[in-house]
């Protein structure tokens, strides 16, 4: 549930540039130099923090992979990591 919902707007400049309002930048956690992603769904566009969006997509892609590969516990994961590290040292 949204704790705080609001509507804001910005003017599109001649080159298609838009200044993201400060309140929106604060909520997204973006600052000068950060990247944003435009998610287009029909005639709706969401602007999201690119780093957060990338992590969410990775989590979706990886969901269930541990169980599918037989990694049922944290100990199983740690054993795999140790095994892979030992193989890297041998190469």
PDB file of N, CA and C in Angstrom:
ATOM      1  N   UNK A   1       0.841  -1.174   0.000  1.00  0.00           N
ATOM      2  CA  UNK A   1       0.000   0.000   0.000  1.00  0.00           C
ATOM      3  C   UNK A   1       0.886   1.236   0.000  1.00  0.00           C
ATOM      4  N   UNK A   2       0.510   2.234  -0.763  1.00  0.00           N
ATOM      5  CA  UNK A   2       1.301   3.453  -0.846  1.00  0.00           C
ATOM      6  C   UNK A   2       1.134   4.279   0.413  1.00  0.00           C
ATOM      7  N   UNK A   3       2.258   4.621   1.024  1.00  0.00           N
ATOM      8  CA  UNK A   3       2.211   5.450   2.221  1.00  0.00           C
ATOM      9  C   UNK A   3       1.892   6.885   1.847  1.00  0.00           C
ATOM     10  N   UNK A   4       2.394   7.326   0.702  1.00  0.00           N
ATOM     11  CA  UNK A   4       2.203   8.702   0.282  1.00  0.00           C
ATOM     12  C   UNK A   4       2.041   8.716  -1.232  1.00  0.00           C
ATOM     13  N   UNK A   5       0.880   9.087  -1.708  1.00  0.00           N
ATOM     14  CA  UNK A   5       0.652   9.180  -3.143  1.00  0.00           C
ATOM     15  C   UNK A   5       0.432  10.639  -3.496  1.00  0.00           C
ATOM     16  N   UNK A   6       0.973  11.061  -4.619  1.00  0.00           N
ATOM     17  CA  UNK A   6       0.785  12.427  -5.072  1.00  0.00           C
ATOM     18  C   UNK A   6       0.951  12.495  -6.574  1.00  0.00           C
ATOM     19  N   UNK A   7       0.548  13.581  -7.140  1.00  0.00           N
ATOM     20  CA  UNK A   7       0.687  13.815  -8.567  1.00  0.00           C
ATOM     21  C   UNK A   7       1.586  15.028  -8.741  1.00  0.00           C
ATOM     22  N   UNK A   8       2.527  14.925  -9.641  1.00  0.00           N
ATOM     23  CA  UNK A   8       3.405  16.049  -9.968  1.00  0.00           C
ATOM     24  C   UNK A   8       3.526  16.075 -11.480  1.00  0.00           C
ATOM     25  N   UNK A   9       4.011  17.159 -12.018  1.00  0.00           N
ATOM     26  CA  UNK A   9       4.170  17.224 -13.467  1.00  0.00           C
ATOM     27  C   UNK A   9       5.414  18.007 -13.819  1.00  0.00           C
ATOM     28  N   UNK A  10       5.818  17.878 -15.071  1.00  0.00           N
ATOM     29  CA  UNK A  10       7.001  18.574 -15.572  1.00  0.00           C
ATOM     30  C   UNK A  10       6.779  18.887 -17.042  1.00  0.00           C
ATOM     31  N   UNK A  11       7.469  19.884 -17.508  1.00  0.00           N
ATOM     32  CA  UNK A  11       7.357  20.311 -18.898  1.00  0.00           C
ATOM     33  C   UNK A  11       8.394  19.580 -19.756  1.00  0.00           C
ATOM     34  N   UNK A  12       7.960  19.127 -20.931  1.00  0.00           N
ATOM     35  CA  UNK A  12       8.874  18.493 -21.872  1.00  0.00           C
ATOM     36  C   UNK A  12       9.520  19.613 -22.697  1.00  0.00           C
ATOM     37  N   UNK A  13      10.844  19.630 -22.702  1.00  0.00           N
ATOM     38  CA  UNK A  13      11.576  20.665 -23.421  1.00  0.00           C
ATOM     39  C   UNK A  13      11.750  20.261 -24.894  1.00  0.00           C
ATOM     40  N   UNK A  14      12.312  21.146 -25.682  1.00  0.00           N
ATOM     41  CA  UNK A  14      12.435  20.958 -27.131  1.00  0.00           C
ATOM     42  C   UNK A  14      13.153  19.661 -27.508  1.00  0.00           C
ATOM     43  N   UNK A  15      14.154  19.254 -26.744  1.00  0.00           N
ATOM     44  CA  UNK A  15      14.916  18.038 -27.051  1.00  0.00           C
ATOM     45  C   UNK A  15      14.346  16.806 -26.344  1.00  0.00           C
ATOM     46  N   UNK A  16      13.123  16.933 -25.799  1.00  0.00           N
ATOM     47  CA  UNK A  16      12.505  15.801 -25.119  1.00  0.00           C
ATOM     48  C   UNK A  16      12.954  15.639 -23.682  1.00  0.00           C
ATOM     49  N   UNK A  17      13.711  16.569 -23.165  1.00  0.00           N
ATOM     50  CA  UNK A  17      14.208  16.473 -21.795  1.00  0.00           C
ATOM     51  C   UNK A  17      13.144  16.911 -20.797  1.00  0.00           C
ATOM     52  N   UNK A  18      13.147  16.230 -19.647  1.00  0.00           N
ATOM     53  CA  UNK A  18      12.227  16.546 -18.562  1.00  0.00           C
ATOM     54  C   UNK A  18      13.029  16.581 -17.269  1.00  0.00           C
ATOM     55  N   UNK A  19      12.769  17.548 -16.430  1.00  0.00           N
ATOM     56  CA  UNK A  19      13.375  17.577 -15.104  1.00  0.00           C
ATOM     57  C   UNK A  19      12.466  16.799 -14.162  1.00  0.00           C
ATOM     58  N   UNK A  20      13.005  15.780 -13.523  1.00  0.00           N
ATOM     59  CA  UNK A  20      12.218  15.002 -12.562  1.00  0.00           C
ATOM     60  C   UNK A  20      12.076  15.848 -11.300  1.00  0.00           C
ATOM     61  N   UNK A  21      10.858  16.103 -10.855  1.00  0.00           N
ATOM     62  CA  UNK A  21      10.668  16.924  -9.654  1.00  0.00           C
ATOM     63  C   UNK A  21      11.421  16.365  -8.450  1.00  0.00           C
ATOM     64  N   UNK A  22      11.887  17.251  -7.587  1.00  0.00           N
ATOM     65  CA  UNK A  22      12.707  16.860  -6.439  1.00  0.00           C
ATOM     66  C   UNK A  22      12.011  15.823  -5.557  1.00  0.00           C
ATOM     67  N   UNK A  23      10.721  15.997  -5.292  1.00  0.00           N
ATOM     68  CA  UNK A  23      10.004  15.026  -4.459  1.00  0.00           C
ATOM     69  C   UNK A  23      10.051  13.632  -5.074  1.00  0.00           C
ATOM     70  N   UNK A  24       9.943  13.561  -6.393  1.00  0.00           N
ATOM     71  CA  UNK A  24       9.983  12.276  -7.082  1.00  0.00           C
ATOM     72  C   UNK A  24      11.399  11.697  -7.030  1.00  0.00           C
ATOM     73  N   UNK A  25      12.414  12.540  -7.262  1.00  0.00           N
ATOM     74  CA  UNK A  25      13.815  12.071  -7.176  1.00  0.00           C
ATOM     75  C   UNK A  25      14.102  11.515  -5.790  1.00  0.00           C
ATOM     76  N   UNK A  26      13.600  12.190  -4.773  1.00  0.00           N
ATOM     77  CA  UNK A  26      13.826  11.721  -3.397  1.00  0.00           C
ATOM     78  C   UNK A  26      13.204  10.351  -3.165  1.00  0.00           C
ATOM     79  N   UNK A  27      11.978  10.167  -3.637  1.00  0.00           N
ATOM     80  CA  UNK A  27      11.302   8.877  -3.464  1.00  0.00           C
ATOM     81  C   UNK A  27      12.024   7.771  -4.228  1.00  0.00           C
ATOM     82  N   UNK A  28      12.504   8.091  -5.444  1.00  0.00           N
ATOM     83  CA  UNK A  28      13.225   7.096  -6.244  1.00  0.00           C
ATOM     84  C   UNK A  28      14.629   6.841  -5.730  1.00  0.00           C
ATOM     85  N   UNK A  29      15.152   7.767  -4.948  1.00  0.00           N
ATOM     86  CA  UNK A  29      16.529   7.629  -4.462  1.00  0.00           C
ATOM     87  C   UNK A  29      17.541   7.887  -5.558  1.00  0.00           C
ATOM     88  N   UNK A  30      17.237   8.836  -6.455  1.00  0.00           N
ATOM     89  CA  UNK A  30      18.173   9.158  -7.524  1.00  0.00           C
ATOM     90  C   UNK A  30      18.697  10.578  -7.362  1.00  0.00           C
ATOM     91  N   UNK A  31      19.918  10.759  -7.803  1.00  0.00           N
ATOM     92  CA  UNK A  31      20.575  12.065  -7.739  1.00  0.00           C
ATOM     93  C   UNK A  31      21.266  12.301  -9.076  1.00  0.00           C
ATOM     94  N   UNK A  32      21.891  13.422  -9.190  1.00  0.00           N
ATOM     95  CA  UNK A  32      22.593  13.790 -10.415  1.00  0.00           C
ATOM     96  C   UNK A  32      23.564  12.687 -10.823  1.00  0.00           C
ATOM     97  N   UNK A  33      23.489  12.269 -12.074  1.00  0.00           N
ATOM     98  CA  UNK A  33      24.381  11.231 -12.583  1.00  0.00           C
ATOM     99  C   UNK A  33      23.810   9.828 -12.489  1.00  0.00           C
ATOM    100  N   UNK A  34      22.773   9.619 -11.659  1.00  0.00           N
ATOM    101  CA  UNK A  34      22.144   8.303 -11.560  1.00  0.00           C
ATOM    102  C   UNK A  34      21.308   8.049 -12.813  1.00  0.00           C
ATOM    103  N   UNK A  35      20.972   6.790 -13.015  1.00  0.00           N
ATOM    104  CA  UNK A  35      20.170   6.427 -14.183  1.00  0.00           C
ATOM    105  C   UNK A  35      18.768   6.036 -13.738  1.00  0.00           C
ATOM    106  N   UNK A  36      17.794   6.326 -14.600  1.00  0.00           N
ATOM    107  CA  UNK A  36      16.423   5.893 -14.385  1.00  0.00           C
ATOM    108  C   UNK A  36      16.008   5.033 -15.567  1.00  0.00           C
ATOM    109  N   UNK A  37      15.035   4.174 -15.324  1.00  0.00           N
ATOM    110  CA  UNK A  37      14.502   3.293 -16.354  1.00  0.00           C
ATOM    111  C   UNK A  37      13.039   3.643 -16.566  1.00  0.00           C
ATOM    112  N   UNK A  38      12.628   3.682 -17.837  1.00  0.00           N
ATOM    113  CA  UNK A  38      11.235   3.924 -18.190  1.00  0.00           C
ATOM    114  C   UNK A  38      10.604   2.579 -18.498  1.00  0.00           C
ATOM    115  N   UNK A  39       9.599   2.198 -17.729  1.00  0.00           N
ATOM    116  CA  UNK A  39       8.881   0.947 -17.946  1.00  0.00           C
ATOM    117  C   UNK A  39       7.545   1.311 -18.578  1.00  0.00           C
ATOM    118  N   UNK A  40       7.358   0.912 -19.841  1.00  0.00           N
ATOM    119  CA  UNK A  40       6.158   1.269 -20.593  1.00  0.00           C
ATOM    120  C   UNK A  40       5.227   0.064 -20.627  1.00  0.00           C
ATOM    121  N   UNK A  41       4.005   0.261 -20.151  1.00  0.00           N
ATOM    122  CA  UNK A  41       2.980  -0.785 -20.148  1.00  0.00           C
ATOM    123  C   UNK A  41       1.714  -0.160 -20.730  1.00  0.00           C
ATOM    124  N   UNK A  42       1.429  -0.459 -21.989  1.00  0.00           N
ATOM    125  CA  UNK A  42       0.290   0.168 -22.654  1.00  0.00           C
ATOM    126  C   UNK A  42       0.537   1.664 -22.783  1.00  0.00           C
ATOM    127  N   UNK A  43      -0.395   2.441 -22.288  1.00  0.00           N
ATOM    128  CA  UNK A  43      -0.211   3.898 -22.355  1.00  0.00           C
ATOM    129  C   UNK A  43       0.244   4.482 -21.018  1.00  0.00           C
ATOM    130  N   UNK A  44       0.775   3.626 -20.152  1.00  0.00           N
ATOM    131  CA  UNK A  44       1.279   4.040 -18.846  1.00  0.00           C
ATOM    132  C   UNK A  44       2.792   3.878 -18.811  1.00  0.00           C
ATOM    133  N   UNK A  45       3.475   4.867 -18.235  1.00  0.00           N
ATOM    134  CA  UNK A  45       4.931   4.813 -18.096  1.00  0.00           C
ATOM    135  C   UNK A  45       5.285   4.973 -16.624  1.00  0.00           C
ATOM    136  N   UNK A  46       6.140   4.062 -16.139  1.00  0.00           N
ATOM    137  CA  UNK A  46       6.673   4.187 -14.784  1.00  0.00           C
ATOM    138  C   UNK A  46       8.139   4.574 -14.905  1.00  0.00           C
ATOM    139  N   UNK A  47       8.591   5.472 -14.051  1.00  0.00           N
ATOM    140  CA  UNK A  47      10.010   5.819 -13.974  1.00  0.00           C
ATOM    141  C   UNK A  47      10.533   5.196 -12.691  1.00  0.00           C
ATOM    142  N   UNK A  48      11.581   4.377 -12.822  1.00  0.00           N
ATOM    143  CA  UNK A  48      12.135   3.683 -11.664  1.00  0.00           C
ATOM    144  C   UNK A  48      13.645   3.876 -11.604  1.00  0.00           C
ATOM    145  N   UNK A  49      14.192   3.744 -10.430  1.00  0.00           N
ATOM    146  CA  UNK A  49      15.632   3.785 -10.227  1.00  0.00           C
ATOM    147  C   UNK A  49      16.225   2.569 -10.948  1.00  0.00           C
ATOM    148  N   UNK A  50      17.142   2.790 -11.879  1.00  0.00           N
ATOM    149  CA  UNK A  50      17.683   1.698 -12.697  1.00  0.00           C
ATOM    150  C   UNK A  50      18.371   0.626 -11.864  1.00  0.00           C
ATOM    151  N   UNK A  51      19.115   1.027 -10.835  1.00  0.00           N
ATOM    152  CA  UNK A  51      19.830   0.049 -10.011  1.00  0.00           C
ATOM    153  C   UNK A  51      18.845  -0.838  -9.259  1.00  0.00           C
ATOM    154  N   UNK A  52      17.810  -0.243  -8.711  1.00  0.00           N
ATOM    155  CA  UNK A  52      16.791  -1.000  -7.982  1.00  0.00           C
ATOM    156  C   UNK A  52      16.044  -1.924  -8.941  1.00  0.00           C
ATOM    157  N   UNK A  53      15.697  -1.406 -10.112  1.00  0.00           N
ATOM    158  CA  UNK A  53      14.971  -2.196 -11.111  1.00  0.00           C
ATOM    159  C   UNK A  53      15.802  -3.398 -11.560  1.00  0.00           C
ATOM    160  N   UNK A  54      17.079  -3.185 -11.808  1.00  0.00           N
ATOM    161  CA  UNK A  54      17.960  -4.285 -12.229  1.00  0.00           C
ATOM    162  C   UNK A  54      18.015  -5.370 -11.157  1.00  0.00           C
ATOM    163  N   UNK A  55      18.101  -4.969  -9.899  1.00  0.00           N
ATOM    164  CA  UNK A  55      18.152  -5.945  -8.804  1.00  0.00           C
ATOM    165  C   UNK A  55      16.832  -6.712  -8.718  1.00  0.00           C
ATOM    166  N   UNK A  56      15.708  -6.026  -8.892  1.00  0.00           N
ATOM    167  CA  UNK A  56      14.414  -6.702  -8.870  1.00  0.00           C
ATOM    168  C   UNK A  56      14.298  -7.706 -10.010  1.00  0.00           C
ATOM    169  N   UNK A  57      14.769  -7.354 -11.188  1.00  0.00           N
ATOM    170  CA  UNK A  57      14.716  -8.266 -12.333  1.00  0.00           C
ATOM    171  C   UNK A  57      15.605  -9.484 -12.088  1.00  0.00           C
ATOM    172  N   UNK A  58      16.785  -9.267 -11.522  1.00  0.00           N
ATOM    173  CA  UNK A  58      17.684 -10.378 -11.204  1.00  0.00           C
ATOM    174  C   UNK A  58      17.042 -11.308 -10.177  1.00  0.00           C
ATOM    175  N   UNK A  59      16.423 -10.727  -9.162  1.00  0.00           N
ATOM    176  CA  UNK A  59      15.765 -11.548  -8.145  1.00  0.00           C
ATOM    177  C   UNK A  59      14.639 -12.371  -8.756  1.00  0.00           C
ATOM    178  N   UNK A  60      13.874 -11.781  -9.666  1.00  0.00           N
ATOM    179  CA  UNK A  60      12.805 -12.530 -10.339  1.00  0.00           C
ATOM    180  C   UNK A  60      13.374 -13.681 -11.153  1.00  0.00           C
ATOM    181  N   UNK A  61      14.443 -13.416 -11.883  1.00  0.00           N
ATOM    182  CA  UNK A  61      15.060 -14.451 -12.719  1.00  0.00           C
ATOM    183  C   UNK A  61      15.633 -15.587 -11.875  1.00  0.00           C
ATOM    184  N   UNK A  62      16.154 -15.266 -10.704  1.00  0.00           N
ATOM    185  CA  UNK A  62      16.810 -16.259  -9.861  1.00  0.00           C
ATOM    186  C   UNK A  62      15.853 -16.967  -8.900  1.00  0.00           C
ATOM    187  N   UNK A  63      14.617 -16.484  -8.804  1.00  0.00           N
ATOM    188  CA  UNK A  63      13.650 -17.069  -7.871  1.00  0.00           C
ATOM    189  C   UNK A  63      13.502 -18.570  -8.142  1.00  0.00           C
ATOM    190  N   UNK A  64      13.696 -19.358  -7.108  1.00  0.00           N
ATOM    191  CA  UNK A  64      13.515 -20.798  -7.219  1.00  0.00           C
ATOM    192  C   UNK A  64      14.706 -21.569  -7.746  1.00  0.00           C
ATOM    193  N   UNK A  65      15.748 -20.885  -8.190  1.00  0.00           N
ATOM    194  CA  UNK A  65      16.913 -21.581  -8.769  1.00  0.00           C
ATOM    195  C   UNK A  65      17.635 -22.446  -7.742  1.00  0.00           C
ATOM    196  N   UNK A  66      17.742 -21.984  -6.512  1.00  0.00           N
ATOM    197  CA  UNK A  66      18.437 -22.769  -5.487  1.00  0.00           C
ATOM    198  C   UNK A  66      17.736 -24.107  -5.280  1.00  0.00           C
ATOM    199  N   UNK A  67      16.422 -24.067  -5.157  1.00  0.00           N
ATOM    200  CA  UNK A  67      15.673 -25.302  -4.954  1.00  0.00           C
ATOM    201  C   UNK A  67      15.788 -26.223  -6.162  1.00  0.00           C
ATOM    202  N   UNK A  68      15.743 -25.645  -7.373  1.00  0.00           N
ATOM    203  CA  UNK A  68      15.833 -26.468  -8.588  1.00  0.00           C
ATOM    204  C   UNK A  68      17.186 -27.169  -8.706  1.00  0.00           C
ATOM    205  N   UNK A  69      18.218 -26.569  -8.137  1.00  0.00           N
ATOM    206  CA  UNK A  69      19.548 -27.164  -8.241  1.00  0.00           C
ATOM    207  C   UNK A  69      19.914 -27.972  -7.003  1.00  0.00           C
ATOM    208  N   UNK A  70      18.967 -28.116  -6.075  1.00  0.00           N
ATOM    209  CA  UNK A  70      19.216 -28.951  -4.904  1.00  0.00           C
ATOM    210  C   UNK A  70      19.904 -28.225  -3.758  1.00  0.00           C
ATOM    211  N   UNK A  71      19.968 -26.926  -3.803  1.00  0.00           N
ATOM    212  CA  UNK A  71      20.556 -26.166  -2.700  1.00  0.00           C
ATOM    213  C   UNK A  71      19.434 -25.820  -1.733  1.00  0.00           C
ATOM    214  N   UNK A  72      19.286 -26.662  -0.702  1.00  0.00           N
ATOM    215  CA  UNK A  72      18.141 -26.533   0.199  1.00  0.00           C
ATOM    216  C   UNK A  72      18.444 -25.746   1.468  1.00  0.00           C
ATOM    217  N   UNK A  73      19.718 -25.511   1.747  1.00  0.00           N
ATOM    218  CA  UNK A  73      20.046 -24.804   2.985  1.00  0.00           C
ATOM    219  C   UNK A  73      21.229 -23.875   2.743  1.00  0.00           C
ATOM    220  N   UNK A  74      21.451 -23.009   3.693  1.00  0.00           N
ATOM    221  CA  UNK A  74      22.608 -22.111   3.606  1.00  0.00           C
ATOM    222  C   UNK A  74      23.913 -22.912   3.606  1.00  0.00           C
ATOM    223  N   UNK A  75      23.927 -24.020   4.333  1.00  0.00           N
ATOM    224  CA  UNK A  75      25.117 -24.883   4.341  1.00  0.00           C
ATOM    225  C   UNK A  75      25.397 -25.451   2.948  1.00  0.00           C
ATOM    226  N   UNK A  76      24.340 -25.813   2.220  1.00  0.00           N
ATOM    227  CA  UNK A  76      24.505 -26.308   0.847  1.00  0.00           C
ATOM    228  C   UNK A  76      25.127 -25.230  -0.042  1.00  0.00           C
ATOM    229  N   UNK A  77      24.659 -24.005   0.117  1.00  0.00           N
ATOM    230  CA  UNK A  77      25.183 -22.887  -0.678  1.00  0.00           C
ATOM    231  C   UNK A  77      26.651 -22.659  -0.343  1.00  0.00           C
ATOM    232  N   UNK A  78      26.985 -22.639   0.931  1.00  0.00           N
ATOM    233  CA  UNK A  78      28.370 -22.407   1.338  1.00  0.00           C
ATOM    234  C   UNK A  78      29.290 -23.521   0.837  1.00  0.00           C
ATOM    235  N   UNK A  79      28.814 -24.756   0.860  1.00  0.00           N
ATOM    236  CA  UNK A  79      29.614 -25.873   0.349  1.00  0.00           C
ATOM    237  C   UNK A  79      29.881 -25.703  -1.142  1.00  0.00           C
ATOM    238  N   UNK A  80      28.874 -25.266  -1.895  1.00  0.00           N
ATOM    239  CA  UNK A  80      29.050 -25.032  -3.332  1.00  0.00           C
ATOM    240  C   UNK A  80      30.059 -23.915  -3.570  1.00  0.00           C
ATOM    241  N   UNK A  81      29.958 -22.847  -2.816  1.00  0.00           N
ATOM    242  CA  UNK A  81      30.898 -21.724  -2.961  1.00  0.00           C
ATOM    243  C   UNK A  81      32.318 -22.190  -2.683  1.00  0.00           C
ATOM    244  N   UNK A  82      32.521 -22.946  -1.608  1.00  0.00           N
ATOM    245  CA  UNK A  82      33.861 -23.459  -1.281  1.00  0.00           C
ATOM    246  C   UNK A  82      34.381 -24.363  -2.387  1.00  0.00           C
ATOM    247  N   UNK A  83      33.505 -25.208  -2.916  1.00  0.00           N
ATOM    248  CA  UNK A  83      33.894 -26.119  -4.003  1.00  0.00           C
ATOM    249  C   UNK A  83      34.314 -25.320  -5.238  1.00  0.00           C
ATOM    250  N   UNK A  84      33.542 -24.321  -5.593  1.00  0.00           N
ATOM    251  CA  UNK A  84      33.864 -23.516  -6.770  1.00  0.00           C
ATOM    252  C   UNK A  84      35.149 -22.728  -6.566  1.00  0.00           C
ATOM    253  N   UNK A  85      35.367 -22.227  -5.381  1.00  0.00           N
ATOM    254  CA  UNK A  85      36.601 -21.479  -5.097  1.00  0.00           C
ATOM    255  C   UNK A  85      37.818 -22.390  -5.195  1.00  0.00           C
ATOM    256  N   UNK A  86      37.700 -23.602  -4.728  1.00  0.00           N
ATOM    257  CA  UNK A  86      38.807 -24.558  -4.827  1.00  0.00           C
ATOM    258  C   UNK A  86      39.106 -24.899  -6.278  1.00  0.00           C
ATOM    259  N   UNK A  87      38.066 -25.054  -7.107  1.00  0.00           N
ATOM    260  CA  UNK A  87      38.261 -25.333  -8.526  1.00  0.00           C
ATOM    261  C   UNK A  87      38.957 -24.180  -9.217  1.00  0.00           C
ATOM    262  N   UNK A  88      38.595 -22.936  -8.851  1.00  0.00           N
ATOM    263  CA  UNK A  88      39.242 -21.760  -9.449  1.00  0.00           C
ATOM    264  C   UNK A  88      40.725 -21.710  -9.096  1.00  0.00           C
ATOM    265  N   UNK A  89      41.079 -22.121  -7.885  1.00  0.00           N
ATOM    266  CA  UNK A  89      42.487 -22.091  -7.452  1.00  0.00           C
ATOM    267  C   UNK A  89      43.308 -23.143  -8.223  1.00  0.00           C
ATOM    268  N   UNK A  90      42.686 -24.249  -8.615  1.00  0.00           N
ATOM    269  CA  UNK A  90      43.396 -25.321  -9.307  1.00  0.00           C
ATOM    270  C   UNK A  90      43.702 -24.975 -10.752  1.00  0.00           C
ATOM    271  N   UNK A  91      42.939 -24.070 -11.338  1.00  0.00           N
ATOM    272  CA  UNK A  91      43.107 -23.752 -12.759  1.00  0.00           C
ATOM    273  C   UNK A  91      44.312 -22.922 -13.001  1.00  0.00           C
TER     274      UNK A  91
END
